[in-house]
Amino acid sequence: MAAKELPPFECRYQGRLLAGVDEVGRGPLVGAVVTAAVILDPERPIAGLADSKKLTEKKRAKLFDEIIEKSAAWSLGRCEPEEIDRLNIYQATMLAMQRAVDDLAIAPEYVLVDGNRCPKWKWPSEPVVKGDGRVEAISAASIIAKVTRDREMDELEEKYPGFGFAKHKGYPTPVHVEALMRLGATPEHRRSFRPVQHAIETVGLYSSEEVENEDLSYPSDLFEDMG
């Protein structure tokens, strides 16, 4: 059965200083949770904004550059693995969202957050379920956050060969879990997440000496495009 399509979102705030906020990276076993906040400029519209997970990598990259160029303000917020382990992923995500809005060059008058709840912060705000497909400012934030985090996973691929980070983006796919159990956990893994705990208890921490220039080319159907 197809998911029920939600109606267009009608925001109670009708001013110009509306910030959209979204996150990427709650589910992965490795890396930061990355959030973005964007205030769009009504005088410089951006065509094609949509849920970042429904866009091709090429389209996301193009829109990323356009959002950076045309938005009235944008910023990133994040929580690193150590903070995630200390706070838990929910609290870390809320903190990363607050950091993103705090860092906007223009203070928003109202904030819309993708999901079903907002952080406890000073700004008037409301959550929007599936907002990344219903509110352009949230769509823009989802694109900024996803492109940023995906590029960080590409960098981890070079730093820690053998895990396949560039393809699975840190999510607990079979390839990722198998690599954890073979190579151990890297310093960027989230130690409070059960598969990482199990790998540390079983094989310990990652050592580059265990990787012997393996040719790791994985079939694409082992990975999901999870945002």
C-alpha atoms as a PDB file:
ATOM      1  CA  MET A   1       0.000   0.000   0.000  1.00  0.00           C
ATOM      2  CA  ALA A   2       1.396   3.398  -0.979  1.00  0.00           C
ATOM      3  CA  ALA A   3       2.122   5.839   1.830  1.00  0.00           C
ATOM      4  CA  LYS A   4      -0.583   8.441   2.289  1.00  0.00           C
ATOM      5  CA  GLU A   5       0.466  11.766   0.813  1.00  0.00           C
ATOM      6  CA  LEU A   6       0.349  14.595   3.306  1.00  0.00           C
ATOM      7  CA  PRO A   7      -1.383  17.862   2.368  1.00  0.00           C
ATOM      8  CA  PRO A   8       0.609  21.006   1.594  1.00  0.00           C
ATOM      9  CA  PHE A   9       1.945  22.586   4.770  1.00  0.00           C
ATOM     10  CA  GLU A  10       0.470  25.936   5.785  1.00  0.00           C
ATOM     11  CA  CYS A  11       2.734  27.882   8.119  1.00  0.00           C
ATOM     12  CA  ARG A  12       1.244  30.259  10.653  1.00  0.00           C
ATOM     13  CA  TYR A  13       4.261  32.531  10.195  1.00  0.00           C
ATOM     14  CA  GLN A  14       4.178  34.593   7.001  1.00  0.00           C
ATOM     15  CA  GLY A  15       7.304  36.742   7.347  1.00  0.00           C
ATOM     16  CA  ARG A  16      10.627  36.580   5.509  1.00  0.00           C
ATOM     17  CA  LEU A  17      12.887  35.317   8.296  1.00  0.00           C
ATOM     18  CA  LEU A  18      11.778  31.690   8.273  1.00  0.00           C
ATOM     19  CA  ALA A  19      14.452  29.067   8.923  1.00  0.00           C
ATOM     20  CA  GLY A  20      14.123  25.440   7.873  1.00  0.00           C
ATOM     21  CA  VAL A  21      16.089  22.819   9.829  1.00  0.00           C
ATOM     22  CA  ASP A  22      16.876  19.187   9.041  1.00  0.00           C
ATOM     23  CA  GLU A  23      19.351  16.523  10.103  1.00  0.00           C
ATOM     24  CA  VAL A  24      21.258  13.681   8.504  1.00  0.00           C
ATOM     25  CA  GLY A  25      22.986  10.844  10.266  1.00  0.00           C
ATOM     26  CA  ARG A  26      20.943   9.591  13.191  1.00  0.00           C
ATOM     27  CA  GLY A  27      21.074   5.972  12.040  1.00  0.00           C
ATOM     28  CA  PRO A  28      24.724   5.441  11.005  1.00  0.00           C
ATOM     29  CA  LEU A  29      27.271   3.673  13.170  1.00  0.00           C
ATOM     30  CA  VAL A  30      30.027   6.153  12.397  1.00  0.00           C
ATOM     31  CA  GLY A  31      30.611   9.874  12.101  1.00  0.00           C
ATOM     32  CA  ALA A  32      28.789  12.971  13.270  1.00  0.00           C
ATOM     33  CA  VAL A  33      25.102  13.725  13.150  1.00  0.00           C
ATOM     34  CA  VAL A  34      24.949  16.760  10.850  1.00  0.00           C
ATOM     35  CA  THR A  35      22.214  19.384  10.808  1.00  0.00           C
ATOM     36  CA  ALA A  36      21.611  22.444   8.681  1.00  0.00           C
ATOM     37  CA  ALA A  37      19.518  25.579   8.977  1.00  0.00           C
ATOM     38  CA  VAL A  38      18.563  27.652   5.941  1.00  0.00           C
ATOM     39  CA  ILE A  39      16.727  30.948   5.490  1.00  0.00           C
ATOM     40  CA  LEU A  40      15.737  31.282   1.836  1.00  0.00           C
ATOM     41  CA  ASP A  41      15.626  34.606   0.001  1.00  0.00           C
ATOM     42  CA  PRO A  42      12.190  35.112  -1.626  1.00  0.00           C
ATOM     43  CA  GLU A  43      13.846  37.388  -4.169  1.00  0.00           C
ATOM     44  CA  ARG A  44      16.147  34.574  -5.340  1.00  0.00           C
ATOM     45  CA  PRO A  45      14.009  31.454  -5.754  1.00  0.00           C
ATOM     46  CA  ILE A  46      15.627  28.055  -6.200  1.00  0.00           C
ATOM     47  CA  ALA A  47      13.885  25.603  -8.529  1.00  0.00           C
ATOM     48  CA  GLY A  48      13.831  21.883  -7.784  1.00  0.00           C
ATOM     49  CA  LEU A  49      14.086  21.869  -3.986  1.00  0.00           C
ATOM     50  CA  ALA A  50      12.912  18.517  -2.601  1.00  0.00           C
ATOM     51  CA  ASP A  51      13.669  15.866  -0.015  1.00  0.00           C
ATOM     52  CA  SER A  52      17.404  15.262  -0.436  1.00  0.00           C
ATOM     53  CA  LYS A  53      16.933  11.475  -0.357  1.00  0.00           C
ATOM     54  CA  LYS A  54      14.767  11.658  -3.477  1.00  0.00           C
ATOM     55  CA  LEU A  55      17.338  13.544  -5.526  1.00  0.00           C
ATOM     56  CA  THR A  56      20.262  12.118  -7.451  1.00  0.00           C
ATOM     57  CA  GLU A  57      23.754  12.822  -6.157  1.00  0.00           C
ATOM     58  CA  LYS A  58      24.393  15.086  -9.147  1.00  0.00           C
ATOM     59  CA  LYS A  59      21.202  17.078  -8.556  1.00  0.00           C
ATOM     60  CA  ARG A  60      21.945  17.415  -4.831  1.00  0.00           C
ATOM     61  CA  ALA A  61      25.419  18.770  -5.591  1.00  0.00           C
ATOM     62  CA  LYS A  62      24.007  21.338  -8.025  1.00  0.00           C
ATOM     63  CA  LEU A  63      21.349  22.472  -5.555  1.00  0.00           C
ATOM     64  CA  PHE A  64      23.908  22.562  -2.738  1.00  0.00           C
ATOM     65  CA  ASP A  65      25.930  25.166  -4.625  1.00  0.00           C
ATOM     66  CA  GLU A  66      22.801  27.134  -5.522  1.00  0.00           C
ATOM     67  CA  ILE A  67      21.554  27.180  -1.925  1.00  0.00           C
ATOM     68  CA  ILE A  68      24.940  28.426  -0.715  1.00  0.00           C
ATOM     69  CA  GLU A  69      24.851  31.180  -3.341  1.00  0.00           C
ATOM     70  CA  LYS A  70      21.218  32.291  -3.140  1.00  0.00           C
ATOM     71  CA  SER A  71      19.982  31.752   0.404  1.00  0.00           C
ATOM     72  CA  ALA A  72      19.723  34.695   2.785  1.00  0.00           C
ATOM     73  CA  ALA A  73      21.593  32.638   5.392  1.00  0.00           C
ATOM     74  CA  TRP A  74      22.658  29.062   6.008  1.00  0.00           C
ATOM     75  CA  SER A  75      24.657  27.235   8.642  1.00  0.00           C
ATOM     76  CA  LEU A  76      25.682  23.796   9.843  1.00  0.00           C
ATOM     77  CA  GLY A  77      25.481  22.208  13.277  1.00  0.00           C
ATOM     78  CA  ARG A  78      26.878  18.867  14.369  1.00  0.00           C
ATOM     79  CA  CYS A  79      27.571  16.515  17.213  1.00  0.00           C
ATOM     80  CA  GLU A  80      30.579  14.242  17.018  1.00  0.00           C
ATOM     81  CA  PRO A  81      30.607  10.541  17.971  1.00  0.00           C
ATOM     82  CA  GLU A  82      31.947  11.275  21.464  1.00  0.00           C
ATOM     83  CA  GLU A  83      29.005  13.607  22.130  1.00  0.00           C
ATOM     84  CA  ILE A  84      26.547  11.096  20.697  1.00  0.00           C
ATOM     85  CA  ASP A  85      27.917   8.415  23.002  1.00  0.00           C
ATOM     86  CA  ARG A  86      27.679  10.720  26.002  1.00  0.00           C
ATOM     87  CA  LEU A  87      24.276  12.292  25.327  1.00  0.00           C
ATOM     88  CA  ASN A  88      22.464   9.622  23.210  1.00  0.00           C
ATOM     89  CA  ILE A  89      21.562  10.157  19.573  1.00  0.00           C
ATOM     90  CA  TYR A  90      18.270  11.953  20.217  1.00  0.00           C
ATOM     91  CA  GLN A  91      19.757  14.568  22.541  1.00  0.00           C
ATOM     92  CA  ALA A  92      22.775  14.964  20.277  1.00  0.00           C
ATOM     93  CA  THR A  93      20.505  15.619  17.299  1.00  0.00           C
ATOM     94  CA  MET A  94      18.553  18.268  19.206  1.00  0.00           C
ATOM     95  CA  LEU A  95      21.819  19.945  20.250  1.00  0.00           C
ATOM     96  CA  ALA A  96      23.165  19.871  16.690  1.00  0.00           C
ATOM     97  CA  MET A  97      19.969  21.535  15.457  1.00  0.00           C
ATOM     98  CA  GLN A  98      20.322  24.268  18.054  1.00  0.00           C
ATOM     99  CA  ARG A  99      23.924  24.830  17.020  1.00  0.00           C
ATOM    100  CA  ALA A 100      22.867  25.207  13.393  1.00  0.00           C
ATOM    101  CA  VAL A 101      20.251  27.856  14.169  1.00  0.00           C
ATOM    102  CA  ASP A 102      22.576  29.612  16.624  1.00  0.00           C
ATOM    103  CA  ASP A 103      25.156  30.019  13.864  1.00  0.00           C
ATOM    104  CA  LEU A 104      22.868  31.622  11.284  1.00  0.00           C
ATOM    105  CA  ALA A 105      24.200  35.017  10.230  1.00  0.00           C
ATOM    106  CA  ILE A 106      20.624  36.338  10.319  1.00  0.00           C
ATOM    107  CA  ALA A 107      18.501  35.573  13.366  1.00  0.00           C
ATOM    108  CA  PRO A 108      15.276  33.812  12.323  1.00  0.00           C
ATOM    109  CA  GLU A 109      11.883  34.937  13.547  1.00  0.00           C
ATOM    110  CA  TYR A 110      10.395  31.463  13.149  1.00  0.00           C
ATOM    111  CA  VAL A 111      11.838  27.966  12.709  1.00  0.00           C
ATOM    112  CA  LEU A 112      10.348  24.885  11.038  1.00  0.00           C
ATOM    113  CA  VAL A 113      11.963  21.548  11.925  1.00  0.00           C
ATOM    114  CA  ASP A 114      11.637  18.337   9.961  1.00  0.00           C
ATOM    115  CA  GLY A 115      10.026  15.622  12.076  1.00  0.00           C
ATOM    116  CA  ASN A 116       7.599  15.519  14.965  1.00  0.00           C
ATOM    117  CA  ARG A 117       9.344  17.622  17.607  1.00  0.00           C
ATOM    118  CA  CYS A 118      11.558  20.659  18.072  1.00  0.00           C
ATOM    119  CA  PRO A 119      14.455  21.243  20.429  1.00  0.00           C
ATOM    120  CA  LYS A 120      13.773  23.266  23.573  1.00  0.00           C
ATOM    121  CA  TRP A 121      15.110  26.587  22.391  1.00  0.00           C
ATOM    122  CA  LYS A 122      14.314  30.296  22.356  1.00  0.00           C
ATOM    123  CA  TRP A 123      12.865  30.560  18.848  1.00  0.00           C
ATOM    124  CA  PRO A 124       9.143  30.285  18.026  1.00  0.00           C
ATOM    125  CA  SER A 125       8.977  27.040  16.066  1.00  0.00           C
ATOM    126  CA  GLU A 126       6.973  24.009  15.054  1.00  0.00           C
ATOM    127  CA  PRO A 127       7.790  20.548  13.719  1.00  0.00           C
ATOM    128  CA  VAL A 128       6.661  19.457  10.273  1.00  0.00           C
ATOM    129  CA  VAL A 129       6.224  15.736   9.613  1.00  0.00           C
ATOM    130  CA  LYS A 130       7.942  14.897   6.316  1.00  0.00           C
ATOM    131  CA  GLY A 131       8.840  18.560   6.122  1.00  0.00           C
ATOM    132  CA  ASP A 132      11.786  17.912   3.805  1.00  0.00           C
ATOM    133  CA  GLY A 133       9.236  17.265   1.066  1.00  0.00           C
ATOM    134  CA  ARG A 134       6.685  19.905   2.093  1.00  0.00           C
ATOM    135  CA  VAL A 135       8.650  23.035   3.048  1.00  0.00           C
ATOM    136  CA  GLU A 136      11.267  24.489   0.719  1.00  0.00           C
ATOM    137  CA  ALA A 137      13.458  25.833   3.527  1.00  0.00           C
ATOM    138  CA  ILE A 138      13.563  22.396   5.137  1.00  0.00           C
ATOM    139  CA  SER A 139      14.285  20.791   1.753  1.00  0.00           C
ATOM    140  CA  ALA A 140      17.217  23.170   1.366  1.00  0.00           C
ATOM    141  CA  ALA A 141      18.474  22.286   4.848  1.00  0.00           C
ATOM    142  CA  SER A 142      18.200  18.572   4.087  1.00  0.00           C
ATOM    143  CA  ILE A 143      20.306  19.017   0.941  1.00  0.00           C
ATOM    144  CA  ILE A 144      23.002  21.022   2.734  1.00  0.00           C
ATOM    145  CA  ALA A 145      23.191  18.493   5.576  1.00  0.00           C
ATOM    146  CA  LYS A 146      23.219  15.404   3.359  1.00  0.00           C
ATOM    147  CA  VAL A 147      25.812  16.646   0.855  1.00  0.00           C
ATOM    148  CA  THR A 148      28.047  17.747   3.739  1.00  0.00           C
ATOM    149  CA  ARG A 149      27.838  14.426   5.561  1.00  0.00           C
ATOM    150  CA  ASP A 150      28.149  12.317   2.402  1.00  0.00           C
ATOM    151  CA  ARG A 151      31.356  14.143   1.528  1.00  0.00           C
ATOM    152  CA  GLU A 152      32.677  13.432   5.016  1.00  0.00           C
ATOM    153  CA  MET A 153      31.968   9.740   4.449  1.00  0.00           C
ATOM    154  CA  ASP A 154      33.931   9.913   1.197  1.00  0.00           C
ATOM    155  CA  GLU A 155      36.867  11.273   3.201  1.00  0.00           C
ATOM    156  CA  LEU A 156      36.534   8.453   5.746  1.00  0.00           C
ATOM    157  CA  GLU A 157      36.678   5.982   2.848  1.00  0.00           C
ATOM    158  CA  GLU A 158      40.188   7.222   2.082  1.00  0.00           C
ATOM    159  CA  LYS A 159      41.230   7.343   5.732  1.00  0.00           C
ATOM    160  CA  TYR A 160      39.925   3.879   6.614  1.00  0.00           C
ATOM    161  CA  PRO A 161      39.990   1.641   3.518  1.00  0.00           C
ATOM    162  CA  GLY A 162      38.034  -1.563   3.741  1.00  0.00           C
ATOM    163  CA  PHE A 163      34.775  -0.319   5.255  1.00  0.00           C
ATOM    164  CA  GLY A 164      32.964   0.940   2.156  1.00  0.00           C
ATOM    165  CA  PHE A 165      31.988   4.261   3.755  1.00  0.00           C
ATOM    166  CA  ALA A 166      31.622   6.011   0.383  1.00  0.00           C
ATOM    167  CA  LYS A 167      28.790   3.652  -0.551  1.00  0.00           C
ATOM    168  CA  HIS A 168      26.868   2.909   2.646  1.00  0.00           C
ATOM    169  CA  LYS A 169      27.580   6.305   4.285  1.00  0.00           C
ATOM    170  CA  GLY A 170      28.079   4.682   7.652  1.00  0.00           C
ATOM    171  CA  TYR A 171      24.693   2.958   7.901  1.00  0.00           C
ATOM    172  CA  PRO A 172      24.610  -0.580   9.354  1.00  0.00           C
ATOM    173  CA  THR A 173      24.476  -2.448   6.062  1.00  0.00           C
ATOM    174  CA  PRO A 174      25.712  -6.059   5.895  1.00  0.00           C
ATOM    175  CA  VAL A 175      28.964  -4.880   4.301  1.00  0.00           C
ATOM    176  CA  HIS A 176      29.587  -2.347   7.067  1.00  0.00           C
ATOM    177  CA  VAL A 177      28.831  -4.796   9.882  1.00  0.00           C
ATOM    178  CA  GLU A 178      31.022  -7.454   8.272  1.00  0.00           C
ATOM    179  CA  ALA A 179      33.883  -4.959   7.977  1.00  0.00           C
ATOM    180  CA  LEU A 180      33.472  -3.978  11.618  1.00  0.00           C
ATOM    181  CA  MET A 181      33.749  -7.612  12.678  1.00  0.00           C
ATOM    182  CA  ARG A 182      36.808  -8.104  10.461  1.00  0.00           C
ATOM    183  CA  LEU A 183      38.695  -4.842  10.958  1.00  0.00           C
ATOM    184  CA  GLY A 184      37.470  -3.517  14.299  1.00  0.00           C
ATOM    185  CA  ALA A 185      36.014  -0.110  15.198  1.00  0.00           C
ATOM    186  CA  THR A 186      37.654   3.130  14.074  1.00  0.00           C
ATOM    187  CA  PRO A 187      37.937   6.189  16.357  1.00  0.00           C
ATOM    188  CA  GLU A 188      35.028   7.723  14.382  1.00  0.00           C
ATOM    189  CA  HIS A 189      32.623   4.872  15.228  1.00  0.00           C
ATOM    190  CA  ARG A 190      29.865   5.457  17.782  1.00  0.00           C
ATOM    191  CA  ARG A 191      30.785   3.153  20.636  1.00  0.00           C
ATOM    192  CA  SER A 192      27.349   3.304  22.261  1.00  0.00           C
ATOM    193  CA  PHE A 193      25.738   1.660  19.198  1.00  0.00           C
ATOM    194  CA  ARG A 194      25.318  -2.078  19.684  1.00  0.00           C
ATOM    195  CA  PRO A 195      27.084  -3.373  16.514  1.00  0.00           C
ATOM    196  CA  VAL A 196      30.101  -1.219  17.368  1.00  0.00           C
ATOM    197  CA  GLN A 197      30.099  -2.402  20.977  1.00  0.00           C
ATOM    198  CA  HIS A 198      30.006  -5.987  19.754  1.00  0.00           C
ATOM    199  CA  ALA A 199      32.895  -5.408  17.330  1.00  0.00           C
ATOM    200  CA  ILE A 200      35.048  -3.806  20.039  1.00  0.00           C
ATOM    201  CA  GLU A 201      34.342  -6.664  22.443  1.00  0.00           C
ATOM    202  CA  THR A 202      35.047  -9.262  19.755  1.00  0.00           C
ATOM    203  CA  VAL A 203      37.911  -7.954  17.600  1.00  0.00           C
ATOM    204  CA  GLY A 204      38.929  -4.667  19.202  1.00  0.00           C
ATOM    205  CA  LEU A 205      39.888  -1.431  17.472  1.00  0.00           C
ATOM    206  CA  TYR A 206      40.835  -0.789  13.860  1.00  0.00           C
ATOM    207  CA  SER A 207      44.455  -1.229  12.818  1.00  0.00           C
ATOM    208  CA  SER A 208      45.668  -0.194   9.381  1.00  0.00           C
ATOM    209  CA  GLU A 209      48.055  -3.133   9.484  1.00  0.00           C
ATOM    210  CA  GLU A 210      45.081  -5.456   9.069  1.00  0.00           C
ATOM    211  CA  VAL A 211      44.175  -3.931   5.708  1.00  0.00           C
ATOM    212  CA  GLU A 212      46.356  -5.182   2.869  1.00  0.00           C
ATOM    213  CA  ASN A 213      45.205  -3.066  -0.050  1.00  0.00           C
ATOM    214  CA  GLU A 214      42.147  -5.225  -0.608  1.00  0.00           C
ATOM    215  CA  ASP A 215      40.183  -4.629  -3.799  1.00  0.00           C
ATOM    216  CA  LEU A 216      36.775  -3.910  -2.293  1.00  0.00           C
ATOM    217  CA  SER A 217      34.241  -3.291  -5.032  1.00  0.00           C
ATOM    218  CA  TYR A 218      30.775  -3.991  -3.686  1.00  0.00           C
ATOM    219  CA  PRO A 219      27.638  -4.578  -5.751  1.00  0.00           C
ATOM    220  CA  SER A 220      25.385  -1.544  -5.489  1.00  0.00           C
ATOM    221  CA  ASP A 221      22.367  -3.552  -4.339  1.00  0.00           C
ATOM    222  CA  LEU A 222      24.058  -4.153  -0.979  1.00  0.00           C
ATOM    223  CA  PHE A 223      23.530  -0.510  -0.089  1.00  0.00           C
ATOM    224  CA  GLU A 224      20.493   1.615   0.531  1.00  0.00           C
ATOM    225  CA  ASP A 225      20.264   5.308  -0.202  1.00  0.00           C
ATOM    226  CA  MET A 226      19.458   6.194   3.387  1.00  0.00           C
ATOM    227  CA  GLY A 227      19.583   9.877   4.179  1.00  0.00           C
END
